[in-house]
Amino acid sequence: MQLTIQRTEAIVTYEVPFQTPTLLQALYHIKQQIDPSLTFNSNCRSGVCGTCSVRVNGREQLACAYRLTEGDHIEPLRYHAVERDLKVDKSEARATLQQSQAWLQSSHDAVITKQAVKLTEKQSDCILCDSCYSACPVLAVNPNFIGPFALTRVYRYSTDPREADAKPAIDAIQTNGIWDCTLCGECTAVCPQGIDPKMDIMMLRSTSAQFGYSDPNFSSMSFGGFGDFGGFQ
């Protein structure tokens, strides 16, 4: 089975002697048996840690979970500094958690009901694989965009019953945040945990409205004048 890998120097084709291996198995075979200089990230090998995320045929995947098919093209995540081959530096993406203040702002005692746990149970499953970040088209035009996983974490904590004052976090996501998202859903489509950052961002927009915020893009939109509607002058 053949696959191509976008390496630091060039695109390289490799042959692996397996029928349907996981991509991670194929990468380890290449490194151990063919080319020891191949560089990539991995850790748990069971879809838990998110370390091995890459792009396969233009779509984000966990290498430990993806089943290789003939002719697959592998490349590193987008919007990350490539250290070598498929290994990227995730520190800049992680900094969005600090930028968005994605934590409890001012906690107080609260009763945690089953319903409250269920509300953000899925969001708490984020493994920080950066797949949603790499898939986001907004970052192609706005590298300062906070990005999906940080906004999902803001939603998770802003709705926590123990949160006494969510306003600082809501304030922090107004610029390069929720209003910059195009709601395309690419982040939701690639999440290996089934999290829906698009919906979380929509819910954060609703919460922002409760704090007096509105979409700043409305002020630059033109909806036409009365003269555009048959006869009204």
C-alpha atoms as a PDB file:
ATOM      1  CA  MET A   1       0.000   0.000   0.000  1.00  0.00           C
ATOM      2  CA  GLN A   2       1.371   3.392  -0.963  1.00  0.00           C
ATOM      3  CA  LEU A   3       1.026   6.712   0.813  1.00  0.00           C
ATOM      4  CA  THR A   4       2.662  10.104   0.384  1.00  0.00           C
ATOM      5  CA  ILE A   5       3.885  12.291   3.216  1.00  0.00           C
ATOM      6  CA  GLN A   6       4.541  16.024   3.113  1.00  0.00           C
ATOM      7  CA  ARG A   7       7.962  16.150   4.729  1.00  0.00           C
ATOM      8  CA  THR A   8       9.998  19.242   5.529  1.00  0.00           C
ATOM      9  CA  GLU A   9      12.050  18.941   2.354  1.00  0.00           C
ATOM     10  CA  ALA A  10       9.583  17.437  -0.143  1.00  0.00           C
ATOM     11  CA  ILE A  11       6.640  15.105  -0.697  1.00  0.00           C
ATOM     12  CA  VAL A  12       7.891  11.526  -0.302  1.00  0.00           C
ATOM     13  CA  THR A  13       6.142   8.290  -1.351  1.00  0.00           C
ATOM     14  CA  TYR A  14       6.376   5.206   0.860  1.00  0.00           C
ATOM     15  CA  GLU A  15       5.240   1.611   0.508  1.00  0.00           C
ATOM     16  CA  VAL A  16       3.927  -0.245   3.570  1.00  0.00           C
ATOM     17  CA  PRO A  17       3.294  -4.028   3.593  1.00  0.00           C
ATOM     18  CA  PHE A  18      -0.123  -3.927   5.287  1.00  0.00           C
ATOM     19  CA  GLN A  19      -3.709  -4.184   4.073  1.00  0.00           C
ATOM     20  CA  THR A  20      -5.615  -1.827   6.407  1.00  0.00           C
ATOM     21  CA  PRO A  21      -3.263  -0.516   9.087  1.00  0.00           C
ATOM     22  CA  THR A  22      -3.940   2.577  11.103  1.00  0.00           C
ATOM     23  CA  LEU A  23      -1.991   5.535   9.838  1.00  0.00           C
ATOM     24  CA  LEU A  24       0.042   5.560  13.048  1.00  0.00           C
ATOM     25  CA  GLN A  25       1.044   1.910  12.528  1.00  0.00           C
ATOM     26  CA  ALA A  26       2.191   2.805   9.028  1.00  0.00           C
ATOM     27  CA  LEU A  27       4.182   5.795  10.302  1.00  0.00           C
ATOM     28  CA  TYR A  28       5.949   3.654  12.886  1.00  0.00           C
ATOM     29  CA  HIS A  29       6.732   1.006  10.252  1.00  0.00           C
ATOM     30  CA  ILE A  30       8.255   3.661   7.992  1.00  0.00           C
ATOM     31  CA  LYS A  31      10.331   5.112  10.836  1.00  0.00           C
ATOM     32  CA  GLN A  32      11.540   1.747  12.129  1.00  0.00           C
ATOM     33  CA  GLN A  33      12.022  -0.125   8.856  1.00  0.00           C
ATOM     34  CA  ILE A  34      12.436   2.391   6.021  1.00  0.00           C
ATOM     35  CA  ASP A  35      13.392   5.915   7.083  1.00  0.00           C
ATOM     36  CA  PRO A  36      14.344   6.628  10.716  1.00  0.00           C
ATOM     37  CA  SER A  37      14.451  10.367  10.035  1.00  0.00           C
ATOM     38  CA  LEU A  38      10.655  10.589   9.624  1.00  0.00           C
ATOM     39  CA  THR A  39       9.299  12.761  12.437  1.00  0.00           C
ATOM     40  CA  PHE A  40       5.776  12.806  13.885  1.00  0.00           C
ATOM     41  CA  ASN A  41       3.952  13.069  17.219  1.00  0.00           C
ATOM     42  CA  SER A  42       2.221  10.258  19.101  1.00  0.00           C
ATOM     43  CA  ASN A  43       1.529   9.226  22.669  1.00  0.00           C
ATOM     44  CA  CYS A  44      -1.422   7.137  23.858  1.00  0.00           C
ATOM     45  CA  ARG A  45      -2.091   5.365  20.517  1.00  0.00           C
ATOM     46  CA  SER A  46      -5.744   4.948  21.511  1.00  0.00           C
ATOM     47  CA  GLY A  47      -7.510   8.194  20.520  1.00  0.00           C
ATOM     48  CA  VAL A  48      -7.374   9.712  23.997  1.00  0.00           C
ATOM     49  CA  CYS A  49      -4.542  12.253  24.026  1.00  0.00           C
ATOM     50  CA  GLY A  50      -4.948  13.997  20.637  1.00  0.00           C
ATOM     51  CA  THR A  51      -1.190  14.155  20.109  1.00  0.00           C
ATOM     52  CA  CYS A  52      -1.090  12.402  16.724  1.00  0.00           C
ATOM     53  CA  SER A  53      -3.489  14.643  14.800  1.00  0.00           C
ATOM     54  CA  VAL A  54      -2.520  15.284  11.160  1.00  0.00           C
ATOM     55  CA  ARG A  55      -4.243  16.060   7.862  1.00  0.00           C
ATOM     56  CA  VAL A  56      -5.137  13.194   5.547  1.00  0.00           C
ATOM     57  CA  ASN A  57      -6.255  14.128   2.036  1.00  0.00           C
ATOM     58  CA  GLY A  58      -6.994  17.640   3.266  1.00  0.00           C
ATOM     59  CA  ARG A  59      -8.995  16.593   6.331  1.00  0.00           C
ATOM     60  CA  GLU A  60      -7.937  16.425   9.969  1.00  0.00           C
ATOM     61  CA  GLN A  61      -7.607  12.947  11.482  1.00  0.00           C
ATOM     62  CA  LEU A  62      -6.101  11.195  14.499  1.00  0.00           C
ATOM     63  CA  ALA A  63      -3.342   8.997  13.055  1.00  0.00           C
ATOM     64  CA  CYS A  64      -4.003   6.307  15.670  1.00  0.00           C
ATOM     65  CA  ALA A  65      -7.653   6.002  14.624  1.00  0.00           C
ATOM     66  CA  TYR A  66      -7.527   6.567  10.856  1.00  0.00           C
ATOM     67  CA  ARG A  67      -7.475   3.454   8.648  1.00  0.00           C
ATOM     68  CA  LEU A  68      -5.068   3.947   5.786  1.00  0.00           C
ATOM     69  CA  THR A  69      -6.272   3.603   2.179  1.00  0.00           C
ATOM     70  CA  GLU A  70      -4.276   3.396  -1.032  1.00  0.00           C
ATOM     71  CA  GLY A  71      -2.752   6.683  -2.136  1.00  0.00           C
ATOM     72  CA  ASP A  72      -3.505   8.697   1.006  1.00  0.00           C
ATOM     73  CA  HIS A  73      -1.623  11.993   1.303  1.00  0.00           C
ATOM     74  CA  ILE A  74      -0.477  12.985   4.795  1.00  0.00           C
ATOM     75  CA  GLU A  75       0.520  16.480   5.875  1.00  0.00           C
ATOM     76  CA  PRO A  76       0.915  18.439   9.124  1.00  0.00           C
ATOM     77  CA  LEU A  77      -1.851  20.488  10.723  1.00  0.00           C
ATOM     78  CA  ARG A  78      -2.441  23.965   9.325  1.00  0.00           C
ATOM     79  CA  TYR A  79      -1.800  27.241  11.198  1.00  0.00           C
ATOM     80  CA  HIS A  80       0.932  25.627  13.313  1.00  0.00           C
ATOM     81  CA  ALA A  81       4.677  26.129  13.039  1.00  0.00           C
ATOM     82  CA  VAL A  82       6.099  22.908  11.596  1.00  0.00           C
ATOM     83  CA  GLU A  83       9.077  21.718  13.617  1.00  0.00           C
ATOM     84  CA  ARG A  84       9.834  18.856  11.223  1.00  0.00           C
ATOM     85  CA  ASP A  85       7.731  16.738   8.863  1.00  0.00           C
ATOM     86  CA  LEU A  86       4.420  16.021  10.669  1.00  0.00           C
ATOM     87  CA  LYS A  87       5.516  17.361  14.053  1.00  0.00           C
ATOM     88  CA  VAL A  88       4.091  20.805  14.826  1.00  0.00           C
ATOM     89  CA  ASP A  89       4.387  23.310  17.641  1.00  0.00           C
ATOM     90  CA  LYS A  90       0.997  23.677  19.336  1.00  0.00           C
ATOM     91  CA  SER A  91       2.014  26.364  21.814  1.00  0.00           C
ATOM     92  CA  GLU A  92       0.551  29.263  19.805  1.00  0.00           C
ATOM     93  CA  ALA A  93      -2.795  27.512  19.496  1.00  0.00           C
ATOM     94  CA  ARG A  94      -2.735  26.724  23.221  1.00  0.00           C
ATOM     95  CA  ALA A  95      -2.223  30.412  23.948  1.00  0.00           C
ATOM     96  CA  THR A  96      -5.816  31.006  22.796  1.00  0.00           C
ATOM     97  CA  LEU A  97      -6.983  29.407  26.051  1.00  0.00           C
ATOM     98  CA  GLN A  98      -5.210  32.190  27.945  1.00  0.00           C
ATOM     99  CA  GLN A  99      -6.438  34.848  25.527  1.00  0.00           C
ATOM    100  CA  SER A 100     -10.058  33.730  25.901  1.00  0.00           C
ATOM    101  CA  GLN A 101      -9.847  33.324  29.701  1.00  0.00           C
ATOM    102  CA  ALA A 102     -11.300  29.823  29.382  1.00  0.00           C
ATOM    103  CA  TRP A 103     -11.646  28.993  33.066  1.00  0.00           C
ATOM    104  CA  LEU A 104     -13.924  29.715  36.027  1.00  0.00           C
ATOM    105  CA  GLN A 105     -13.738  33.460  36.629  1.00  0.00           C
ATOM    106  CA  SER A 106     -15.260  33.720  40.092  1.00  0.00           C
ATOM    107  CA  SER A 107     -16.467  30.471  41.589  1.00  0.00           C
ATOM    108  CA  HIS A 108     -19.040  30.002  44.311  1.00  0.00           C
ATOM    109  CA  ASP A 109     -20.692  27.004  45.919  1.00  0.00           C
ATOM    110  CA  ALA A 110     -23.400  25.444  43.784  1.00  0.00           C
ATOM    111  CA  VAL A 111     -25.399  22.273  43.526  1.00  0.00           C
ATOM    112  CA  ILE A 112     -24.229  20.301  40.486  1.00  0.00           C
ATOM    113  CA  THR A 113     -27.230  18.490  39.084  1.00  0.00           C
ATOM    114  CA  LYS A 114     -27.242  15.718  36.503  1.00  0.00           C
ATOM    115  CA  GLN A 115     -28.856  18.162  34.082  1.00  0.00           C
ATOM    116  CA  ALA A 116     -26.037  20.666  34.602  1.00  0.00           C
ATOM    117  CA  VAL A 117     -23.409  17.993  33.992  1.00  0.00           C
ATOM    118  CA  LYS A 118     -25.217  16.872  30.853  1.00  0.00           C
ATOM    119  CA  LEU A 119     -25.233  20.438  29.493  1.00  0.00           C
ATOM    120  CA  THR A 120     -21.452  20.522  29.013  1.00  0.00           C
ATOM    121  CA  GLU A 121     -20.565  16.829  29.262  1.00  0.00           C
ATOM    122  CA  LYS A 122     -19.585  16.623  25.600  1.00  0.00           C
ATOM    123  CA  GLN A 123     -17.533  19.843  25.689  1.00  0.00           C
ATOM    124  CA  SER A 124     -15.549  18.434  28.622  1.00  0.00           C
ATOM    125  CA  ASP A 125     -14.402  15.583  26.353  1.00  0.00           C
ATOM    126  CA  CYS A 126     -12.105  17.902  24.327  1.00  0.00           C
ATOM    127  CA  ILE A 127      -8.647  16.312  23.968  1.00  0.00           C
ATOM    128  CA  LEU A 128      -6.948  19.432  22.537  1.00  0.00           C
ATOM    129  CA  CYS A 129      -5.967  17.647  19.330  1.00  0.00           C
ATOM    130  CA  ASP A 130      -6.205  20.978  17.443  1.00  0.00           C
ATOM    131  CA  SER A 131      -8.157  19.350  14.592  1.00  0.00           C
ATOM    132  CA  CYS A 132     -10.859  22.028  14.759  1.00  0.00           C
ATOM    133  CA  TYR A 133      -8.225  24.762  14.835  1.00  0.00           C
ATOM    134  CA  SER A 134      -6.508  23.366  11.731  1.00  0.00           C
ATOM    135  CA  ALA A 135      -9.819  22.976   9.886  1.00  0.00           C
ATOM    136  CA  CYS A 136     -11.035  26.530  10.579  1.00  0.00           C
ATOM    137  CA  PRO A 137     -11.055  28.709   7.418  1.00  0.00           C
ATOM    138  CA  VAL A 138     -11.211  31.921   9.464  1.00  0.00           C
ATOM    139  CA  LEU A 139      -7.594  31.482  10.559  1.00  0.00           C
ATOM    140  CA  ALA A 140      -6.518  31.672   6.917  1.00  0.00           C
ATOM    141  CA  VAL A 141      -7.610  35.325   6.817  1.00  0.00           C
ATOM    142  CA  ASN A 142      -7.384  36.238  10.508  1.00  0.00           C
ATOM    143  CA  PRO A 143      -4.469  34.545  12.302  1.00  0.00           C
ATOM    144  CA  ASN A 144      -5.551  36.304  15.518  1.00  0.00           C
ATOM    145  CA  PHE A 145      -8.880  34.455  15.628  1.00  0.00           C
ATOM    146  CA  ILE A 146      -9.221  32.719  18.981  1.00  0.00           C
ATOM    147  CA  GLY A 147     -10.383  29.501  17.330  1.00  0.00           C
ATOM    148  CA  PRO A 148     -12.965  26.795  18.022  1.00  0.00           C
ATOM    149  CA  PHE A 149     -11.580  24.725  20.898  1.00  0.00           C
ATOM    150  CA  ALA A 150     -10.878  27.754  23.097  1.00  0.00           C
ATOM    151  CA  LEU A 151     -14.381  29.116  22.471  1.00  0.00           C
ATOM    152  CA  THR A 152     -15.886  25.723  23.283  1.00  0.00           C
ATOM    153  CA  ARG A 153     -14.016  25.785  26.579  1.00  0.00           C
ATOM    154  CA  VAL A 154     -15.315  29.288  27.331  1.00  0.00           C
ATOM    155  CA  TYR A 155     -18.836  27.998  26.764  1.00  0.00           C
ATOM    156  CA  ARG A 156     -18.154  25.012  29.009  1.00  0.00           C
ATOM    157  CA  TYR A 157     -17.061  27.219  31.925  1.00  0.00           C
ATOM    158  CA  SER A 158     -19.445  30.135  31.374  1.00  0.00           C
ATOM    159  CA  THR A 159     -22.391  27.756  31.798  1.00  0.00           C
ATOM    160  CA  ASP A 160     -20.913  25.999  34.834  1.00  0.00           C
ATOM    161  CA  PRO A 161     -23.240  26.409  37.868  1.00  0.00           C
ATOM    162  CA  ARG A 162     -20.195  27.297  39.971  1.00  0.00           C
ATOM    163  CA  GLU A 163     -19.450  30.367  37.825  1.00  0.00           C
ATOM    164  CA  ALA A 164     -20.383  33.509  39.736  1.00  0.00           C
ATOM    165  CA  ASP A 165     -19.385  36.037  37.066  1.00  0.00           C
ATOM    166  CA  ALA A 166     -18.923  34.965  33.438  1.00  0.00           C
ATOM    167  CA  LYS A 167     -18.610  38.530  32.147  1.00  0.00           C
ATOM    168  CA  PRO A 168     -14.766  38.701  32.028  1.00  0.00           C
ATOM    169  CA  ALA A 169     -14.673  35.641  29.776  1.00  0.00           C
ATOM    170  CA  ILE A 170     -17.520  36.966  27.628  1.00  0.00           C
ATOM    171  CA  ASP A 171     -15.691  40.300  27.339  1.00  0.00           C
ATOM    172  CA  ALA A 172     -12.523  38.491  26.227  1.00  0.00           C
ATOM    173  CA  ILE A 173     -14.142  36.768  23.238  1.00  0.00           C
ATOM    174  CA  GLN A 174     -15.706  39.797  21.569  1.00  0.00           C
ATOM    175  CA  THR A 175     -12.625  40.721  19.517  1.00  0.00           C
ATOM    176  CA  ASN A 176     -11.212  38.015  17.212  1.00  0.00           C
ATOM    177  CA  GLY A 177     -13.756  35.723  18.778  1.00  0.00           C
ATOM    178  CA  ILE A 178     -17.371  34.686  18.390  1.00  0.00           C
ATOM    179  CA  TRP A 179     -18.370  37.339  15.860  1.00  0.00           C
ATOM    180  CA  ASP A 180     -15.484  36.452  13.530  1.00  0.00           C
ATOM    181  CA  CYS A 181     -16.691  32.848  13.187  1.00  0.00           C
ATOM    182  CA  THR A 182     -18.488  32.163   9.885  1.00  0.00           C
ATOM    183  CA  LEU A 183     -20.479  29.252  11.370  1.00  0.00           C
ATOM    184  CA  CYS A 184     -19.311  27.024   8.500  1.00  0.00           C
ATOM    185  CA  GLY A 185     -19.229  23.932  10.737  1.00  0.00           C
ATOM    186  CA  GLU A 186     -15.826  22.630   9.596  1.00  0.00           C
ATOM    187  CA  CYS A 187     -14.713  22.455  13.233  1.00  0.00           C
ATOM    188  CA  THR A 188     -17.697  20.305  14.129  1.00  0.00           C
ATOM    189  CA  ALA A 189     -17.151  17.992  11.162  1.00  0.00           C
ATOM    190  CA  VAL A 190     -13.568  17.067  12.112  1.00  0.00           C
ATOM    191  CA  CYS A 191     -13.865  16.763  15.909  1.00  0.00           C
ATOM    192  CA  PRO A 192     -12.968  13.163  16.884  1.00  0.00           C
ATOM    193  CA  GLN A 193     -14.933  13.563  20.117  1.00  0.00           C
ATOM    194  CA  GLY A 194     -18.180  14.627  18.480  1.00  0.00           C
ATOM    195  CA  ILE A 195     -18.091  18.112  20.008  1.00  0.00           C
ATOM    196  CA  ASP A 196     -19.983  20.866  18.190  1.00  0.00           C
ATOM    197  CA  PRO A 197     -17.957  24.103  18.512  1.00  0.00           C
ATOM    198  CA  LYS A 198     -20.247  25.818  16.004  1.00  0.00           C
ATOM    199  CA  MET A 199     -23.231  25.394  18.328  1.00  0.00           C
ATOM    200  CA  ASP A 200     -21.150  26.434  21.338  1.00  0.00           C
ATOM    201  CA  ILE A 201     -20.196  29.662  19.538  1.00  0.00           C
ATOM    202  CA  MET A 202     -23.842  30.317  18.693  1.00  0.00           C
ATOM    203  CA  MET A 203     -24.743  29.864  22.367  1.00  0.00           C
ATOM    204  CA  LEU A 204     -21.941  32.260  23.351  1.00  0.00           C
ATOM    205  CA  ARG A 205     -23.379  34.839  20.961  1.00  0.00           C
ATOM    206  CA  SER A 206     -26.697  34.511  22.779  1.00  0.00           C
ATOM    207  CA  THR A 207     -24.984  34.914  26.148  1.00  0.00           C
ATOM    208  CA  SER A 208     -23.094  37.944  24.806  1.00  0.00           C
ATOM    209  CA  ALA A 209     -26.385  39.566  23.837  1.00  0.00           C
ATOM    210  CA  GLN A 210     -27.513  39.208  27.451  1.00  0.00           C
ATOM    211  CA  PHE A 211     -24.448  41.236  28.444  1.00  0.00           C
ATOM    212  CA  GLY A 212     -25.340  43.959  25.942  1.00  0.00           C
ATOM    213  CA  TYR A 213     -23.116  42.906  23.051  1.00  0.00           C
ATOM    214  CA  SER A 214     -24.215  42.604  19.421  1.00  0.00           C
ATOM    215  CA  ASP A 215     -22.587  41.548  16.169  1.00  0.00           C
ATOM    216  CA  PRO A 216     -20.249  44.432  15.199  1.00  0.00           C
ATOM    217  CA  ASN A 217     -20.484  43.376  11.556  1.00  0.00           C
ATOM    218  CA  PHE A 218     -24.057  44.712  11.391  1.00  0.00           C
ATOM    219  CA  SER A 219     -22.804  48.297  11.485  1.00  0.00           C
ATOM    220  CA  SER A 220     -20.904  47.803   8.224  1.00  0.00           C
ATOM    221  CA  MET A 221     -23.703  46.020   6.387  1.00  0.00           C
ATOM    222  CA  SER A 222     -25.889  47.740   3.807  1.00  0.00           C
ATOM    223  CA  PHE A 223     -29.514  46.697   3.706  1.00  0.00           C
ATOM    224  CA  GLY A 224     -30.530  49.219   1.024  1.00  0.00           C
ATOM    225  CA  GLY A 225     -32.818  52.208   1.249  1.00  0.00           C
ATOM    226  CA  PHE A 226     -36.560  52.517   0.875  1.00  0.00           C
ATOM    227  CA  GLY A 227     -36.000  53.265  -2.780  1.00  0.00           C
ATOM    228  CA  ASP A 228     -34.997  49.649  -3.300  1.00  0.00           C
ATOM    229  CA  PHE A 229     -38.490  48.398  -2.508  1.00  0.00           C
ATOM    230  CA  GLY A 230     -40.838  49.064  -5.428  1.00  0.00           C
ATOM    231  CA  GLY A 231     -42.303  52.522  -5.166  1.00  0.00           C
ATOM    232  CA  PHE A 232     -41.235  53.556  -1.663  1.00  0.00           C
ATOM    233  CA  GLN A 233     -39.212  56.799  -1.857  1.00  0.00           C
END
